């Protein structure tokens, strides 16, 4: 599933994530667990990004993108 970098632009939120997975044959309960697993791993992702050899601007941009995506997943429950 390709998504824009602005959660609102594509209408991406928790409900669209769950709908996409349920239409693919994955239960809503499993989709919810996947969301929570992604959220629990965000600190690890951010740590890896900050320790990477990327330019500082890209590191900040990637971390900001993760924050936007997390917010979009929290938008509607």
Protein backbone atom coordinates (compact mmCIF):
# COMPACT_ATOMS: atom_id res chain seq x y z
CA UNK A 1 0.00 0.00 0.00
CA UNK A 2 1.62 3.28 -1.11
CA UNK A 3 0.88 6.29 1.05
CA UNK A 4 1.73 9.95 0.73
CA UNK A 5 3.92 11.58 3.37
CA UNK A 6 0.92 13.53 4.65
CA UNK A 7 -1.51 11.23 6.42
CA UNK A 8 -4.48 13.50 5.71
CA UNK A 9 -3.75 13.90 2.03
CA UNK A 10 -4.43 10.26 1.19
CA UNK A 11 -7.06 9.83 3.90
CA UNK A 12 -4.75 7.44 5.74
CA UNK A 13 -5.72 6.77 9.34
CA UNK A 14 -6.26 3.82 11.64
CA UNK A 15 -9.58 2.92 10.00
CA UNK A 16 -8.18 2.87 6.45
CA UNK A 17 -5.27 0.73 7.65
CA UNK A 18 -7.63 -1.78 9.25
CA UNK A 19 -9.98 -1.73 6.25
CA UNK A 20 -7.11 -2.44 3.87
CA UNK A 21 -6.02 -5.42 5.91
CA UNK A 22 -9.51 -6.83 6.47
CA UNK A 23 -10.16 -6.59 2.73
CA UNK A 24 -6.95 -8.57 2.26
CA UNK A 25 -8.26 -11.31 4.52
CA UNK A 26 -6.45 -10.26 7.71
CA UNK A 27 -8.70 -9.87 10.74
CA UNK A 28 -9.19 -6.51 12.42
CA UNK A 29 -7.75 -7.95 15.64
CA UNK A 30 -4.52 -8.90 13.84
CA UNK A 31 -4.40 -5.45 12.19
CA UNK A 32 -4.73 -3.82 15.63
CA UNK A 33 -1.87 -5.97 16.94
CA UNK A 34 0.25 -4.92 13.95
CA UNK A 35 -0.43 -1.26 14.71
CA UNK A 36 0.58 -1.72 18.33
CA UNK A 37 3.71 -3.64 17.35
CA UNK A 38 4.72 -0.85 14.95
CA UNK A 39 4.11 1.76 17.64
CA UNK A 40 6.14 -0.15 20.21
CA UNK A 41 9.08 -0.31 17.77
CA UNK A 42 9.11 3.42 16.95
CA UNK A 43 11.79 4.25 19.55
CA UNK A 44 14.06 1.58 18.04
CA UNK A 45 13.48 2.92 14.52
CA UNK A 46 14.27 6.45 15.64
CA UNK A 47 17.43 5.28 17.38
CA UNK A 48 18.60 3.50 14.25
CA UNK A 49 17.86 6.57 12.15
CA UNK A 50 19.78 8.88 14.48
CA UNK A 51 22.76 6.49 14.55
CA UNK A 52 22.79 6.11 10.76
CA UNK A 53 25.20 7.76 8.33
CA UNK A 54 22.41 9.84 6.80
CA UNK A 55 22.81 13.60 6.68
CA UNK A 56 21.28 15.32 9.73
CA UNK A 57 18.49 16.86 7.65
CA UNK A 58 17.40 13.45 6.38
CA UNK A 59 17.49 12.02 9.90
CA UNK A 60 15.20 14.79 11.11
CA UNK A 61 12.90 14.33 8.11
CA UNK A 62 12.62 10.57 8.64
CA UNK A 63 11.86 10.99 12.35
CA UNK A 64 9.24 13.64 11.52
CA UNK A 65 7.67 11.27 8.99
CA UNK A 66 7.45 8.53 11.62
CA UNK A 67 5.74 11.00 13.96
CA UNK A 68 3.21 11.95 11.25
CA UNK A 69 2.42 8.32 10.52
CA UNK A 70 2.00 7.56 14.21
CA UNK A 71 -0.38 10.51 14.55
CA UNK A 72 -2.38 9.30 11.55
CA UNK A 73 -2.74 5.86 13.14
CA UNK A 74 -3.98 7.47 16.33
CA UNK A 75 -6.39 9.83 14.54
CA UNK A 76 -9.44 7.57 14.65
CA UNK A 77 -9.93 4.59 16.92
